[in-house]
Amino acid sequence: MPTGTSRALFDPTGVWTIVVAGGNGQRFGAHKQFLALGPKEMVAWAVDTALQVSAGVVVVVPEVSDFASSDARVHVVQGGASRTHSVRNGLAEVPTAAQVVCVHDAARPFASVELFQAVVQELSPTVQAAVPALAVVDTVKVVDESTNEVLSTLQRSTLRAVQTPQAFHAAILREAHLVAEHENREGTDDASLVEAIGGYVVVVPGNVMNRKITTPEDFAWAQNAVSEVLEGNA
């Protein structure tokens, strides 16, 4: 498991990453994760970055996908009916010897190597999970879904918009998914499943370039951002 604070000394031994690419693209209107984004598919951006910080990468894909990789460290498995189910399928492919598991959405193609390293290196004997997050700049209100009545206004200073990759001690992530499966419970992210069993989760600074591609407008932004990202990686 990686130790120390120097990014230059980061050791990927014992780290595996699950790249979640099993969505059906219902909101987007297509399997966006397999669309060309600059020189490669969107999912390939996430996989290539994860390979730089992981001993192995599990890519979870929908049944109709023909995604493949020539890298022996990449394992492809079929997803499930939900995101939580898909991550669980990916987790079953991660070796039991893995000490840390990162979970990352293929729909966030521009997550950096440094962000992966930051969440992994935040783990400790007491910190069981680390997630990147950005401060919320808009006022957020709780609304009655049936009447649209405003019920309360949340304190913005305590709110964070969470991203992936999220890093976990492998043992607690496996435990969280076992409990969720037993209780037939879903989570919008894996940190929420760990929180539900009392796990200690912290946040690290996220990155505005680590934007989730959800709509065609997001994809247009990503197409424009590709050149900037490539220049930064040069």
C-alpha atoms as a PDB file:
ATOM      1  CA  MET A   1       0.000   0.000   0.000  1.00  0.00           C
ATOM      2  CA  PRO A   2       1.372   3.445  -0.906  1.00  0.00           C
ATOM      3  CA  THR A   3       2.819   5.399   1.991  1.00  0.00           C
ATOM      4  CA  GLY A   4       4.465   8.757   2.484  1.00  0.00           C
ATOM      5  CA  THR A   5       3.547  12.169   1.193  1.00  0.00           C
ATOM      6  CA  SER A   6       5.772  12.504  -1.850  1.00  0.00           C
ATOM      7  CA  ARG A   7       3.895  12.024  -5.105  1.00  0.00           C
ATOM      8  CA  ALA A   8       7.196  11.120  -6.787  1.00  0.00           C
ATOM      9  CA  LEU A   9       7.498   8.096  -4.481  1.00  0.00           C
ATOM     10  CA  PHE A  10       3.980   6.830  -5.178  1.00  0.00           C
ATOM     11  CA  ASP A  11       3.929   3.028  -5.324  1.00  0.00           C
ATOM     12  CA  PRO A  12       0.966   1.441  -7.165  1.00  0.00           C
ATOM     13  CA  THR A  13       1.622  -1.997  -5.691  1.00  0.00           C
ATOM     14  CA  GLY A  14      -1.520  -3.198  -3.963  1.00  0.00           C
ATOM     15  CA  VAL A  15      -3.747  -0.600  -5.664  1.00  0.00           C
ATOM     16  CA  TRP A  16      -6.485  -1.659  -8.092  1.00  0.00           C
ATOM     17  CA  THR A  17      -8.957   0.586  -9.877  1.00  0.00           C
ATOM     18  CA  ILE A  18     -12.487  -0.186 -11.016  1.00  0.00           C
ATOM     19  CA  VAL A  19     -13.536   1.985 -13.963  1.00  0.00           C
ATOM     20  CA  VAL A  20     -17.325   2.057 -14.120  1.00  0.00           C
ATOM     21  CA  ALA A  21     -18.421   2.182 -17.762  1.00  0.00           C
ATOM     22  CA  GLY A  22     -21.591   0.115 -17.517  1.00  0.00           C
ATOM     23  CA  GLY A  23     -24.173   2.864 -17.978  1.00  0.00           C
ATOM     24  CA  ASN A  24     -26.825   2.575 -20.662  1.00  0.00           C
ATOM     25  CA  GLY A  25     -26.584   6.221 -21.706  1.00  0.00           C
ATOM     26  CA  GLN A  26     -30.283   6.861 -21.135  1.00  0.00           C
ATOM     27  CA  ARG A  27     -29.855  10.508 -20.127  1.00  0.00           C
ATOM     28  CA  PHE A  28     -27.288  11.194 -22.855  1.00  0.00           C
ATOM     29  CA  GLY A  29     -29.060   9.282 -25.631  1.00  0.00           C
ATOM     30  CA  ALA A  30     -26.058   7.056 -26.428  1.00  0.00           C
ATOM     31  CA  HIS A  31     -23.301   5.044 -24.749  1.00  0.00           C
ATOM     32  CA  LYS A  32     -21.247   8.188 -24.254  1.00  0.00           C
ATOM     33  CA  GLN A  33     -18.395   6.345 -22.558  1.00  0.00           C
ATOM     34  CA  PHE A  34     -17.455   4.766 -25.891  1.00  0.00           C
ATOM     35  CA  LEU A  35     -17.636   7.907 -28.029  1.00  0.00           C
ATOM     36  CA  ALA A  36     -14.414   9.268 -29.503  1.00  0.00           C
ATOM     37  CA  LEU A  37     -13.004  12.093 -27.419  1.00  0.00           C
ATOM     38  CA  GLY A  38      -9.983  13.446 -29.218  1.00  0.00           C
ATOM     39  CA  PRO A  39      -7.599  10.601 -30.076  1.00  0.00           C
ATOM     40  CA  LYS A  40      -9.403   7.848 -28.104  1.00  0.00           C
ATOM     41  CA  GLU A  41     -12.674   6.700 -26.577  1.00  0.00           C
ATOM     42  CA  MET A  42     -13.858   8.455 -23.437  1.00  0.00           C
ATOM     43  CA  VAL A  43     -13.458   5.287 -21.367  1.00  0.00           C
ATOM     44  CA  ALA A  44      -9.872   4.913 -22.573  1.00  0.00           C
ATOM     45  CA  TRP A  45      -8.950   8.245 -20.974  1.00  0.00           C
ATOM     46  CA  ALA A  46      -9.997   6.926 -17.568  1.00  0.00           C
ATOM     47  CA  VAL A  47      -8.350   3.530 -18.079  1.00  0.00           C
ATOM     48  CA  ASP A  48      -5.044   4.977 -19.274  1.00  0.00           C
ATOM     49  CA  THR A  49      -4.819   7.294 -16.264  1.00  0.00           C
ATOM     50  CA  ALA A  50      -5.775   4.532 -13.832  1.00  0.00           C
ATOM     51  CA  LEU A  51      -3.047   2.286 -15.255  1.00  0.00           C
ATOM     52  CA  GLN A  52      -0.429   4.828 -14.181  1.00  0.00           C
ATOM     53  CA  VAL A  53      -1.397   4.468 -10.523  1.00  0.00           C
ATOM     54  CA  SER A  54      -2.667   0.878 -10.278  1.00  0.00           C
ATOM     55  CA  ALA A  55      -1.363  -2.654 -10.381  1.00  0.00           C
ATOM     56  CA  GLY A  56      -4.497  -3.605 -12.315  1.00  0.00           C
ATOM     57  CA  VAL A  57      -7.673  -2.060 -13.700  1.00  0.00           C
ATOM     58  CA  VAL A  58     -11.125  -3.632 -13.949  1.00  0.00           C
ATOM     59  CA  VAL A  59     -13.392  -2.044 -16.555  1.00  0.00           C
ATOM     60  CA  VAL A  60     -17.092  -2.667 -16.055  1.00  0.00           C
ATOM     61  CA  VAL A  61     -18.992  -2.455 -19.353  1.00  0.00           C
ATOM     62  CA  PRO A  62     -22.572  -2.974 -20.556  1.00  0.00           C
ATOM     63  CA  GLU A  63     -23.545  -6.246 -22.207  1.00  0.00           C
ATOM     64  CA  VAL A  64     -23.540  -4.721 -25.696  1.00  0.00           C
ATOM     65  CA  SER A  65     -19.973  -3.413 -25.412  1.00  0.00           C
ATOM     66  CA  ASP A  66     -17.065  -4.760 -27.452  1.00  0.00           C
ATOM     67  CA  PHE A  67     -14.493  -2.791 -25.456  1.00  0.00           C
ATOM     68  CA  ALA A  68     -11.140  -4.559 -25.165  1.00  0.00           C
ATOM     69  CA  SER A  69      -7.599  -3.686 -24.142  1.00  0.00           C
ATOM     70  CA  SER A  70      -4.266  -5.077 -25.246  1.00  0.00           C
ATOM     71  CA  ASP A  71      -2.804  -4.372 -21.789  1.00  0.00           C
ATOM     72  CA  ALA A  72      -2.716  -7.540 -19.695  1.00  0.00           C
ATOM     73  CA  ARG A  73      -3.344  -5.476 -16.559  1.00  0.00           C
ATOM     74  CA  VAL A  74      -6.827  -4.559 -17.808  1.00  0.00           C
ATOM     75  CA  HIS A  75      -9.713  -6.902 -17.018  1.00  0.00           C
ATOM     76  CA  VAL A  76     -13.145  -6.398 -18.590  1.00  0.00           C
ATOM     77  CA  VAL A  77     -16.326  -7.569 -16.852  1.00  0.00           C
ATOM     78  CA  GLN A  78     -20.015  -7.095 -17.529  1.00  0.00           C
ATOM     79  CA  GLY A  79     -21.954  -4.611 -15.436  1.00  0.00           C
ATOM     80  CA  GLY A  80     -25.244  -5.038 -13.619  1.00  0.00           C
ATOM     81  CA  ALA A  81     -28.660  -3.425 -13.516  1.00  0.00           C
ATOM     82  CA  SER A  82     -27.409  -0.496 -11.400  1.00  0.00           C
ATOM     83  CA  ARG A  83     -24.185   1.348 -10.690  1.00  0.00           C
ATOM     84  CA  THR A  84     -23.856  -0.364  -7.321  1.00  0.00           C
ATOM     85  CA  HIS A  85     -24.350  -3.773  -8.932  1.00  0.00           C
ATOM     86  CA  SER A  86     -21.778  -2.924 -11.604  1.00  0.00           C
ATOM     87  CA  VAL A  87     -19.165  -1.920  -9.026  1.00  0.00           C
ATOM     88  CA  ARG A  88     -19.879  -5.144  -7.139  1.00  0.00           C
ATOM     89  CA  ASN A  89     -19.214  -7.137 -10.314  1.00  0.00           C
ATOM     90  CA  GLY A  90     -15.954  -5.269 -10.770  1.00  0.00           C
ATOM     91  CA  LEU A  91     -14.972  -5.807  -7.156  1.00  0.00           C
ATOM     92  CA  ALA A  92     -15.353  -9.557  -7.607  1.00  0.00           C
ATOM     93  CA  GLU A  93     -12.585  -9.377 -10.218  1.00  0.00           C
ATOM     94  CA  VAL A  94     -10.147  -7.503  -7.946  1.00  0.00           C
ATOM     95  CA  PRO A  95      -7.613  -9.883  -6.364  1.00  0.00           C
ATOM     96  CA  THR A  96      -8.082 -10.509  -2.662  1.00  0.00           C
ATOM     97  CA  ALA A  97      -4.488  -9.390  -2.116  1.00  0.00           C
ATOM     98  CA  ALA A  98      -5.336  -5.824  -3.176  1.00  0.00           C
ATOM     99  CA  GLN A  99      -5.044  -3.407  -0.281  1.00  0.00           C
ATOM    100  CA  VAL A 100      -6.605  -0.328  -1.876  1.00  0.00           C
ATOM    101  CA  VAL A 101      -9.408  -0.097  -4.423  1.00  0.00           C
ATOM    102  CA  CYS A 102     -10.207   3.066  -6.336  1.00  0.00           C
ATOM    103  CA  VAL A 103     -13.578   3.441  -8.034  1.00  0.00           C
ATOM    104  CA  HIS A 104     -13.771   5.862 -10.939  1.00  0.00           C
ATOM    105  CA  ASP A 105     -16.477   6.795 -13.420  1.00  0.00           C
ATOM    106  CA  ALA A 106     -15.586   6.526 -17.086  1.00  0.00           C
ATOM    107  CA  ALA A 107     -17.742   9.626 -17.563  1.00  0.00           C
ATOM    108  CA  ARG A 108     -14.970  11.672 -15.877  1.00  0.00           C
ATOM    109  CA  PRO A 109     -12.288  11.362 -18.553  1.00  0.00           C
ATOM    110  CA  PHE A 110      -9.990  14.137 -17.319  1.00  0.00           C
ATOM    111  CA  ALA A 111      -9.241  12.964 -13.787  1.00  0.00           C
ATOM    112  CA  SER A 112      -5.508  13.434 -13.315  1.00  0.00           C
ATOM    113  CA  VAL A 113      -2.842  11.064 -12.062  1.00  0.00           C
ATOM    114  CA  GLU A 114      -2.267  13.514  -9.217  1.00  0.00           C
ATOM    115  CA  LEU A 115      -5.919  13.272  -8.147  1.00  0.00           C
ATOM    116  CA  PHE A 116      -5.731   9.466  -8.041  1.00  0.00           C
ATOM    117  CA  GLN A 117      -2.571   9.714  -5.979  1.00  0.00           C
ATOM    118  CA  ALA A 118      -4.108  12.274  -3.627  1.00  0.00           C
ATOM    119  CA  VAL A 119      -7.070  10.106  -2.640  1.00  0.00           C
ATOM    120  CA  VAL A 120      -4.942   6.984  -2.225  1.00  0.00           C
ATOM    121  CA  GLN A 121      -2.320   8.738  -0.135  1.00  0.00           C
ATOM    122  CA  GLU A 122      -4.994  10.234   2.123  1.00  0.00           C
ATOM    123  CA  LEU A 123      -5.818   6.741   3.406  1.00  0.00           C
ATOM    124  CA  SER A 124      -4.378   5.742   6.761  1.00  0.00           C
ATOM    125  CA  PRO A 125      -5.107   3.288   9.565  1.00  0.00           C
ATOM    126  CA  THR A 126      -7.977   5.584  10.623  1.00  0.00           C
ATOM    127  CA  VAL A 127      -9.052   7.079   7.278  1.00  0.00           C
ATOM    128  CA  GLN A 128     -10.848   4.297   5.438  1.00  0.00           C
ATOM    129  CA  ALA A 129     -11.983   6.210   2.359  1.00  0.00           C
ATOM    130  CA  ALA A 130     -11.056   9.432   0.584  1.00  0.00           C
ATOM    131  CA  VAL A 131     -13.019  11.256  -2.101  1.00  0.00           C
ATOM    132  CA  PRO A 132     -12.298  14.387  -4.157  1.00  0.00           C
ATOM    133  CA  ALA A 133     -14.809  17.199  -3.785  1.00  0.00           C
ATOM    134  CA  LEU A 134     -15.445  20.808  -4.747  1.00  0.00           C
ATOM    135  CA  ALA A 135     -17.079  23.504  -2.646  1.00  0.00           C
ATOM    136  CA  VAL A 136     -20.687  24.201  -3.596  1.00  0.00           C
ATOM    137  CA  VAL A 137     -21.087  27.728  -4.956  1.00  0.00           C
ATOM    138  CA  ASP A 138     -24.871  27.746  -5.422  1.00  0.00           C
ATOM    139  CA  THR A 139     -27.434  28.000  -2.638  1.00  0.00           C
ATOM    140  CA  VAL A 140     -29.067  24.590  -2.123  1.00  0.00           C
ATOM    141  CA  LYS A 141     -32.632  24.220  -0.904  1.00  0.00           C
ATOM    142  CA  VAL A 142     -34.561  21.148   0.247  1.00  0.00           C
ATOM    143  CA  VAL A 143     -37.867  20.969  -1.624  1.00  0.00           C
ATOM    144  CA  ASP A 144     -41.055  18.943  -1.186  1.00  0.00           C
ATOM    145  CA  GLU A 145     -41.166  16.871  -4.383  1.00  0.00           C
ATOM    146  CA  SER A 146     -44.954  16.800  -4.541  1.00  0.00           C
ATOM    147  CA  THR A 147     -45.622  20.522  -3.987  1.00  0.00           C
ATOM    148  CA  ASN A 148     -42.291  22.182  -4.841  1.00  0.00           C
ATOM    149  CA  GLU A 149     -42.478  23.972  -1.496  1.00  0.00           C
ATOM    150  CA  VAL A 150     -39.098  24.985  -0.071  1.00  0.00           C
ATOM    151  CA  LEU A 151     -38.612  23.171   3.228  1.00  0.00           C
ATOM    152  CA  SER A 152     -35.183  24.461   4.210  1.00  0.00           C
ATOM    153  CA  THR A 153     -31.970  26.041   2.971  1.00  0.00           C
ATOM    154  CA  LEU A 154     -28.770  24.119   3.582  1.00  0.00           C
ATOM    155  CA  GLN A 155     -25.651  25.776   4.952  1.00  0.00           C
ATOM    156  CA  ARG A 156     -23.503  26.113   1.861  1.00  0.00           C
ATOM    157  CA  SER A 157     -20.188  26.160   3.733  1.00  0.00           C
ATOM    158  CA  THR A 158     -20.709  22.558   4.840  1.00  0.00           C
ATOM    159  CA  LEU A 159     -21.615  21.217   1.384  1.00  0.00           C
ATOM    160  CA  ARG A 160     -19.295  19.594  -1.149  1.00  0.00           C
ATOM    161  CA  ALA A 161     -19.897  18.272  -4.668  1.00  0.00           C
ATOM    162  CA  VAL A 162     -18.169  14.889  -4.750  1.00  0.00           C
ATOM    163  CA  GLN A 163     -16.218  13.457  -7.675  1.00  0.00           C
ATOM    164  CA  THR A 164     -14.354  10.263  -8.511  1.00  0.00           C
ATOM    165  CA  PRO A 165     -11.847   8.594  -8.247  1.00  0.00           C
ATOM    166  CA  GLN A 166     -12.722   7.503  -4.736  1.00  0.00           C
ATOM    167  CA  ALA A 167     -10.163   5.439  -2.809  1.00  0.00           C
ATOM    168  CA  PHE A 168     -10.944   2.806  -0.182  1.00  0.00           C
ATOM    169  CA  HIS A 169      -9.260   0.266   1.980  1.00  0.00           C
ATOM    170  CA  ALA A 170     -10.243  -2.849   0.044  1.00  0.00           C
ATOM    171  CA  ALA A 171     -11.627  -4.644   3.087  1.00  0.00           C
ATOM    172  CA  ILE A 172     -14.134  -1.945   4.027  1.00  0.00           C
ATOM    173  CA  LEU A 173     -15.306  -1.499   0.432  1.00  0.00           C
ATOM    174  CA  ARG A 174     -15.978  -5.224   0.172  1.00  0.00           C
ATOM    175  CA  GLU A 175     -17.804  -5.159   3.515  1.00  0.00           C
ATOM    176  CA  ALA A 176     -19.903  -2.161   2.466  1.00  0.00           C
ATOM    177  CA  HIS A 177     -20.988  -3.892  -0.733  1.00  0.00           C
ATOM    178  CA  LEU A 178     -21.821  -7.118   1.086  1.00  0.00           C
ATOM    179  CA  VAL A 179     -24.057  -5.221   3.516  1.00  0.00           C
ATOM    180  CA  ALA A 180     -25.675  -3.227   0.700  1.00  0.00           C
ATOM    181  CA  GLU A 181     -26.371  -6.408  -1.238  1.00  0.00           C
ATOM    182  CA  HIS A 182     -27.873  -8.082   1.831  1.00  0.00           C
ATOM    183  CA  GLU A 183     -30.090  -5.060   2.506  1.00  0.00           C
ATOM    184  CA  ASN A 184     -30.904  -4.587  -1.191  1.00  0.00           C
ATOM    185  CA  ARG A 185     -29.656  -1.019  -0.956  1.00  0.00           C
ATOM    186  CA  GLU A 186     -28.174   1.183  -3.676  1.00  0.00           C
ATOM    187  CA  GLY A 187     -25.798   4.131  -3.419  1.00  0.00           C
ATOM    188  CA  THR A 188     -25.184   7.050  -5.745  1.00  0.00           C
ATOM    189  CA  ASP A 189     -21.503   6.560  -5.012  1.00  0.00           C
ATOM    190  CA  ASP A 190     -19.421   4.011  -3.131  1.00  0.00           C
ATOM    191  CA  ALA A 191     -18.486   6.384  -0.334  1.00  0.00           C
ATOM    192  CA  SER A 192     -22.148   6.510   0.702  1.00  0.00           C
ATOM    193  CA  LEU A 193     -22.124   2.723   1.156  1.00  0.00           C
ATOM    194  CA  VAL A 194     -19.032   2.959   3.353  1.00  0.00           C
ATOM    195  CA  GLU A 195     -20.596   5.819   5.321  1.00  0.00           C
ATOM    196  CA  ALA A 196     -23.672   3.635   5.919  1.00  0.00           C
ATOM    197  CA  ILE A 197     -21.613   1.045   7.808  1.00  0.00           C
ATOM    198  CA  GLY A 198     -19.805   3.651   9.889  1.00  0.00           C
ATOM    199  CA  GLY A 199     -16.667   4.020   7.780  1.00  0.00           C
ATOM    200  CA  TYR A 200     -14.513   7.129   8.198  1.00  0.00           C
ATOM    201  CA  VAL A 201     -14.580   9.066   4.922  1.00  0.00           C
ATOM    202  CA  VAL A 202     -12.696  12.310   4.223  1.00  0.00           C
ATOM    203  CA  VAL A 203     -12.537  14.674   1.279  1.00  0.00           C
ATOM    204  CA  VAL A 204      -9.554  16.028  -0.626  1.00  0.00           C
ATOM    205  CA  PRO A 205      -9.661  18.977  -3.044  1.00  0.00           C
ATOM    206  CA  GLY A 206     -11.273  18.054  -6.346  1.00  0.00           C
ATOM    207  CA  ASN A 207     -10.566  19.544  -9.749  1.00  0.00           C
ATOM    208  CA  VAL A 208     -12.870  21.583 -11.978  1.00  0.00           C
ATOM    209  CA  MET A 209     -11.448  19.810 -15.040  1.00  0.00           C
ATOM    210  CA  ASN A 210     -12.671  16.531 -13.573  1.00  0.00           C
ATOM    211  CA  ARG A 211     -16.155  17.246 -14.875  1.00  0.00           C
ATOM    212  CA  LYS A 212     -18.693  14.454 -15.288  1.00  0.00           C
ATOM    213  CA  ILE A 213     -19.957  14.083 -18.840  1.00  0.00           C
ATOM    214  CA  THR A 214     -23.710  13.653 -18.479  1.00  0.00           C
ATOM    215  CA  THR A 215     -25.331  15.686 -21.271  1.00  0.00           C
ATOM    216  CA  PRO A 216     -24.456  16.495 -24.910  1.00  0.00           C
ATOM    217  CA  GLU A 217     -23.487  19.958 -23.657  1.00  0.00           C
ATOM    218  CA  ASP A 218     -20.971  18.363 -21.281  1.00  0.00           C
ATOM    219  CA  PHE A 219     -19.572  16.329 -24.162  1.00  0.00           C
ATOM    220  CA  ALA A 220     -19.172  19.459 -26.296  1.00  0.00           C
ATOM    221  CA  TRP A 221     -17.232  21.016 -23.413  1.00  0.00           C
ATOM    222  CA  ALA A 222     -15.027  17.915 -23.224  1.00  0.00           C
ATOM    223  CA  GLN A 223     -14.294  18.041 -26.936  1.00  0.00           C
ATOM    224  CA  ASN A 224     -13.126  21.625 -26.548  1.00  0.00           C
ATOM    225  CA  ALA A 225     -11.083  20.744 -23.447  1.00  0.00           C
ATOM    226  CA  VAL A 226      -9.165  17.861 -25.051  1.00  0.00           C
ATOM    227  CA  SER A 227      -6.455  20.050 -26.540  1.00  0.00           C
ATOM    228  CA  GLU A 228      -5.844  21.753 -23.178  1.00  0.00           C
ATOM    229  CA  VAL A 229      -5.570  18.391 -21.449  1.00  0.00           C
ATOM    230  CA  LEU A 230      -3.189  17.017 -24.085  1.00  0.00           C
ATOM    231  CA  GLU A 231      -0.986  20.088 -23.785  1.00  0.00           C
ATOM    232  CA  GLY A 232      -0.887  19.678 -20.015  1.00  0.00           C
ATOM    233  CA  ASN A 233       0.184  16.049 -20.365  1.00  0.00           C
ATOM    234  CA  ALA A 234       2.896  16.818 -22.921  1.00  0.00           C
END
